Amino acid sequence: MIALVAAVALLGVLLGAVAHVPLPLSAVAAAVIAGWLLVFAVRERHARRAAR
């Protein structure tokens, strides 16, 4: 859960900074965050299935 909170906080910081960086850089940052959240979701789903 703390990783999700950190991801949201990082997203907030990047959204605040997105006005000052070029569009390709912000697109790469968004893709990295989306990938991290995807990995987190897959790990959580796998952990829940393994707990059953």
PDB file of N, CA and C in Angstrom:
ATOM      1  N   MET A   1       0.817  -1.188   0.000  1.00  0.00           N
ATOM      2  CA  MET A   1       0.000   0.000   0.000  1.00  0.00           C
ATOM      3  C   MET A   1       0.865   1.258   0.000  1.00  0.00           C
ATOM      4  N   ILE A   2       1.997   1.196   0.694  1.00  0.00           N
ATOM      5  CA  ILE A   2       2.877   2.363   0.734  1.00  0.00           C
ATOM      6  C   ILE A   2       3.431   2.666  -0.650  1.00  0.00           C
ATOM      7  N   ALA A   3       3.629   1.637  -1.468  1.00  0.00           N
ATOM      8  CA  ALA A   3       4.120   1.871  -2.834  1.00  0.00           C
ATOM      9  C   ALA A   3       3.082   2.626  -3.654  1.00  0.00           C
ATOM     10  N   LEU A   4       1.830   2.331  -3.439  1.00  0.00           N
ATOM     11  CA  LEU A   4       0.773   3.034  -4.158  1.00  0.00           C
ATOM     12  C   LEU A   4       0.704   4.498  -3.731  1.00  0.00           C
ATOM     13  N   VAL A   5       0.855   4.745  -2.447  1.00  0.00           N
ATOM     14  CA  VAL A   5       0.874   6.122  -1.947  1.00  0.00           C
ATOM     15  C   VAL A   5       2.071   6.879  -2.525  1.00  0.00           C
ATOM     16  N   ALA A   6       3.218   6.213  -2.583  1.00  0.00           N
ATOM     17  CA  ALA A   6       4.409   6.847  -3.154  1.00  0.00           C
ATOM     18  C   ALA A   6       4.203   7.140  -4.641  1.00  0.00           C
ATOM     19  N   ALA A   7       3.548   6.226  -5.345  1.00  0.00           N
ATOM     20  CA  ALA A   7       3.291   6.446  -6.767  1.00  0.00           C
ATOM     21  C   ALA A   7       2.371   7.637  -6.990  1.00  0.00           C
ATOM     22  N   VAL A   8       1.349   7.765  -6.168  1.00  0.00           N
ATOM     23  CA  VAL A   8       0.432   8.904  -6.290  1.00  0.00           C
ATOM     24  C   VAL A   8       1.158  10.201  -5.949  1.00  0.00           C
ATOM     25  N   ALA A   9       2.002  10.178  -4.932  1.00  0.00           N
ATOM     26  CA  ALA A   9       2.762  11.374  -4.569  1.00  0.00           C
ATOM     27  C   ALA A   9       3.721  11.759  -5.694  1.00  0.00           C
ATOM     28  N   LEU A  10       4.402  10.773  -6.262  1.00  0.00           N
ATOM     29  CA  LEU A  10       5.314  11.037  -7.373  1.00  0.00           C
ATOM     30  C   LEU A  10       4.556  11.574  -8.573  1.00  0.00           C
ATOM     31  N   LEU A  11       3.396  11.031  -8.830  1.00  0.00           N
ATOM     32  CA  LEU A  11       2.573  11.518  -9.927  1.00  0.00           C
ATOM     33  C   LEU A  11       2.175  12.970  -9.687  1.00  0.00           C
ATOM     34  N   GLY A  12       1.841  13.325  -8.469  1.00  0.00           N
ATOM     35  CA  GLY A  12       1.494  14.706  -8.153  1.00  0.00           C
ATOM     36  C   GLY A  12       2.662  15.653  -8.374  1.00  0.00           C
ATOM     37  N   VAL A  13       3.853  15.216  -7.996  1.00  0.00           N
ATOM     38  CA  VAL A  13       5.045  16.041  -8.206  1.00  0.00           C
ATOM     39  C   VAL A  13       5.303  16.213  -9.697  1.00  0.00           C
ATOM     40  N   LEU A  14       5.185  15.125 -10.446  1.00  0.00           N
ATOM     41  CA  LEU A  14       5.421  15.214 -11.887  1.00  0.00           C
ATOM     42  C   LEU A  14       4.367  16.056 -12.584  1.00  0.00           C
ATOM     43  N   LEU A  15       3.128  15.970 -12.142  1.00  0.00           N
ATOM     44  CA  LEU A  15       2.092  16.800 -12.749  1.00  0.00           C
ATOM     45  C   LEU A  15       2.341  18.277 -12.466  1.00  0.00           C
ATOM     46  N   GLY A  16       2.906  18.576 -11.321  1.00  0.00           N
ATOM     47  CA  GLY A  16       3.253  19.950 -11.024  1.00  0.00           C
ATOM     48  C   GLY A  16       4.414  20.433 -11.870  1.00  0.00           C
ATOM     49  N   ALA A  17       5.322  19.525 -12.181  1.00  0.00           N
ATOM     50  CA  ALA A  17       6.496  19.880 -12.966  1.00  0.00           C
ATOM     51  C   ALA A  17       6.261  19.755 -14.465  1.00  0.00           C
ATOM     52  N   VAL A  18       5.160  19.154 -14.857  1.00  0.00           N
ATOM     53  CA  VAL A  18       4.945  18.870 -16.271  1.00  0.00           C
ATOM     54  C   VAL A  18       4.827  20.153 -17.098  1.00  0.00           C
ATOM     55  N   ALA A  19       4.466  21.241 -16.469  1.00  0.00           N
ATOM     56  CA  ALA A  19       4.367  22.507 -17.195  1.00  0.00           C
ATOM     57  C   ALA A  19       5.738  23.062 -17.562  1.00  0.00           C
ATOM     58  N   HIS A  20       6.791  22.545 -16.937  1.00  0.00           N
ATOM     59  CA  HIS A  20       8.133  23.095 -17.140  1.00  0.00           C
ATOM     60  C   HIS A  20       9.047  22.181 -17.944  1.00  0.00           C
ATOM     61  N   VAL A  21       8.552  21.030 -18.356  1.00  0.00           N
ATOM     62  CA  VAL A  21       9.396  20.095 -19.118  1.00  0.00           C
ATOM     63  C   VAL A  21       8.768  19.847 -20.488  1.00  0.00           C
ATOM     64  N   PRO A  22       9.576  19.422 -21.451  1.00  0.00           N
ATOM     65  CA  PRO A  22       9.031  19.138 -22.784  1.00  0.00           C
ATOM     66  C   PRO A  22       8.057  17.958 -22.762  1.00  0.00           C
ATOM     67  N   LEU A  23       7.165  17.949 -23.724  1.00  0.00           N
ATOM     68  CA  LEU A  23       6.148  16.898 -23.807  1.00  0.00           C
ATOM     69  C   LEU A  23       6.746  15.491 -23.906  1.00  0.00           C
ATOM     70  N   PRO A  24       7.773  15.242 -24.728  1.00  0.00           N
ATOM     71  CA  PRO A  24       8.318  13.866 -24.773  1.00  0.00           C
ATOM     72  C   PRO A  24       8.838  13.373 -23.422  1.00  0.00           C
ATOM     73  N   LEU A  25       9.436  14.258 -22.660  1.00  0.00           N
ATOM     74  CA  LEU A  25       9.949  13.858 -21.346  1.00  0.00           C
ATOM     75  C   LEU A  25       8.811  13.517 -20.395  1.00  0.00           C
ATOM     76  N   SER A  26       7.760  14.316 -20.425  1.00  0.00           N
ATOM     77  CA  SER A  26       6.622  14.013 -19.558  1.00  0.00           C
ATOM     78  C   SER A  26       5.911  12.744 -20.010  1.00  0.00           C
ATOM     79  N   ALA A  27       5.898  12.465 -21.308  1.00  0.00           N
ATOM     80  CA  ALA A  27       5.291  11.224 -21.796  1.00  0.00           C
ATOM     81  C   ALA A  27       6.099  10.007 -21.331  1.00  0.00           C
ATOM     82  N   VAL A  28       7.405  10.127 -21.348  1.00  0.00           N
ATOM     83  CA  VAL A  28       8.258   9.028 -20.860  1.00  0.00           C
ATOM     84  C   VAL A  28       8.040   8.818 -19.371  1.00  0.00           C
ATOM     85  N   ALA A  29       7.968   9.903 -18.617  1.00  0.00           N
ATOM     86  CA  ALA A  29       7.732   9.786 -17.180  1.00  0.00           C
ATOM     87  C   ALA A  29       6.380   9.147 -16.903  1.00  0.00           C
ATOM     88  N   ALA A  30       5.369   9.519 -17.676  1.00  0.00           N
ATOM     89  CA  ALA A  30       4.044   8.922 -17.498  1.00  0.00           C
ATOM     90  C   ALA A  30       4.071   7.429 -17.815  1.00  0.00           C
ATOM     91  N   ALA A  31       4.815   7.048 -18.849  1.00  0.00           N
ATOM     92  CA  ALA A  31       4.922   5.633 -19.202  1.00  0.00           C
ATOM     93  C   ALA A  31       5.639   4.839 -18.109  1.00  0.00           C
ATOM     94  N   VAL A  32       6.652   5.433 -17.514  1.00  0.00           N
ATOM     95  CA  VAL A  32       7.376   4.758 -16.425  1.00  0.00           C
ATOM     96  C   VAL A  32       6.457   4.555 -15.226  1.00  0.00           C
ATOM     97  N   ILE A  33       5.711   5.580 -14.867  1.00  0.00           N
ATOM     98  CA  ILE A  33       4.788   5.460 -13.736  1.00  0.00           C
ATOM     99  C   ILE A  33       3.700   4.439 -14.035  1.00  0.00           C
ATOM    100  N   ALA A  34       3.169   4.457 -15.249  1.00  0.00           N
ATOM    101  CA  ALA A  34       2.136   3.484 -15.620  1.00  0.00           C
ATOM    102  C   ALA A  34       2.689   2.064 -15.566  1.00  0.00           C
ATOM    103  N   GLY A  35       3.911   1.880 -16.024  1.00  0.00           N
ATOM    104  CA  GLY A  35       4.539   0.556 -15.961  1.00  0.00           C
ATOM    105  C   GLY A  35       4.732   0.100 -14.525  1.00  0.00           C
ATOM    106  N   TRP A  36       5.162   1.011 -13.669  1.00  0.00           N
ATOM    107  CA  TRP A  36       5.357   0.682 -12.263  1.00  0.00           C
ATOM    108  C   TRP A  36       4.029   0.280 -11.627  1.00  0.00           C
ATOM    109  N   LEU A  37       2.975   1.028 -11.908  1.00  0.00           N
ATOM    110  CA  LEU A  37       1.666   0.686 -11.353  1.00  0.00           C
ATOM    111  C   LEU A  37       1.151  -0.636 -11.902  1.00  0.00           C
ATOM    112  N   LEU A  38       1.430  -0.923 -13.158  1.00  0.00           N
ATOM    113  CA  LEU A  38       1.026  -2.199 -13.748  1.00  0.00           C
ATOM    114  C   LEU A  38       1.738  -3.364 -13.060  1.00  0.00           C
ATOM    115  N   VAL A  39       3.033  -3.221 -12.855  1.00  0.00           N
ATOM    116  CA  VAL A  39       3.795  -4.264 -12.158  1.00  0.00           C
ATOM    117  C   VAL A  39       3.260  -4.443 -10.744  1.00  0.00           C
ATOM    118  N   PHE A  40       2.967  -3.344 -10.061  1.00  0.00           N
ATOM    119  CA  PHE A  40       2.421  -3.413  -8.711  1.00  0.00           C
ATOM    120  C   PHE A  40       1.094  -4.162  -8.698  1.00  0.00           C
ATOM    121  N   ALA A  41       0.221  -3.841  -9.650  1.00  0.00           N
ATOM    122  CA  ALA A  41      -1.092  -4.494  -9.707  1.00  0.00           C
ATOM    123  C   ALA A  41      -0.956  -5.989  -9.978  1.00  0.00           C
ATOM    124  N   VAL A  42      -0.052  -6.361 -10.868  1.00  0.00           N
ATOM    125  CA  VAL A  42       0.146  -7.775 -11.179  1.00  0.00           C
ATOM    126  C   VAL A  42       0.702  -8.514  -9.965  1.00  0.00           C
ATOM    127  N   ARG A  43       1.650  -7.895  -9.268  1.00  0.00           N
ATOM    128  CA  ARG A  43       2.206  -8.532  -8.064  1.00  0.00           C
ATOM    129  C   ARG A  43       1.147  -8.697  -6.981  1.00  0.00           C
ATOM    130  N   GLU A  44       0.309  -7.689  -6.801  1.00  0.00           N
ATOM    131  CA  GLU A  44      -0.749  -7.786  -5.798  1.00  0.00           C
ATOM    132  C   GLU A  44      -1.756  -8.878  -6.162  1.00  0.00           C
ATOM    133  N   ARG A  45      -2.105  -8.943  -7.426  1.00  0.00           N
ATOM    134  CA  ARG A  45      -3.054  -9.967  -7.856  1.00  0.00           C
ATOM    135  C   ARG A  45      -2.468 -11.366  -7.668  1.00  0.00           C
ATOM    136  N   HIS A  46      -1.192 -11.507  -8.002  1.00  0.00           N
ATOM    137  CA  HIS A  46      -0.526 -12.799  -7.829  1.00  0.00           C
ATOM    138  C   HIS A  46      -0.457 -13.172  -6.345  1.00  0.00           C
ATOM    139  N   ALA A  47      -0.196 -12.200  -5.488  1.00  0.00           N
ATOM    140  CA  ALA A  47      -0.101 -12.464  -4.051  1.00  0.00           C
ATOM    141  C   ALA A  47      -1.466 -12.890  -3.495  1.00  0.00           C
ATOM    142  N   ARG A  48      -2.528 -12.276  -3.990  1.00  0.00           N
ATOM    143  CA  ARG A  48      -3.864 -12.652  -3.508  1.00  0.00           C
ATOM    144  C   ARG A  48      -4.248 -14.044  -3.963  1.00  0.00           C
ATOM    145  N   ARG A  49      -3.875 -14.391  -5.174  1.00  0.00           N
ATOM    146  CA  ARG A  49      -4.176 -15.759  -5.661  1.00  0.00           C
ATOM    147  C   ARG A  49      -3.367 -16.793  -4.906  1.00  0.00           C
ATOM    148  N   ALA A  50      -2.125 -16.464  -4.575  1.00  0.00           N
ATOM    149  CA  ALA A  50      -1.268 -17.402  -3.844  1.00  0.00           C
ATOM    150  C   ALA A  50      -1.740 -17.580  -2.403  1.00  0.00           C
ATOM    151  N   ALA A  51      -2.400 -16.570  -1.850  1.00  0.00           N
ATOM    152  CA  ALA A  51      -2.874 -16.658  -0.470  1.00  0.00           C
ATOM    153  C   ALA A  51      -4.110 -17.554  -0.341  1.00  0.00           C
ATOM    154  N   ARG A  52      -4.771 -17.796  -1.421  1.00  0.00           N
ATOM    155  CA  ARG A  52      -5.982 -18.644  -1.349  1.00  0.00           C
ATOM    156  C   ARG A  52      -5.679 -20.064  -1.127  1.00  0.00           C
TER     157      ARG A  52
END
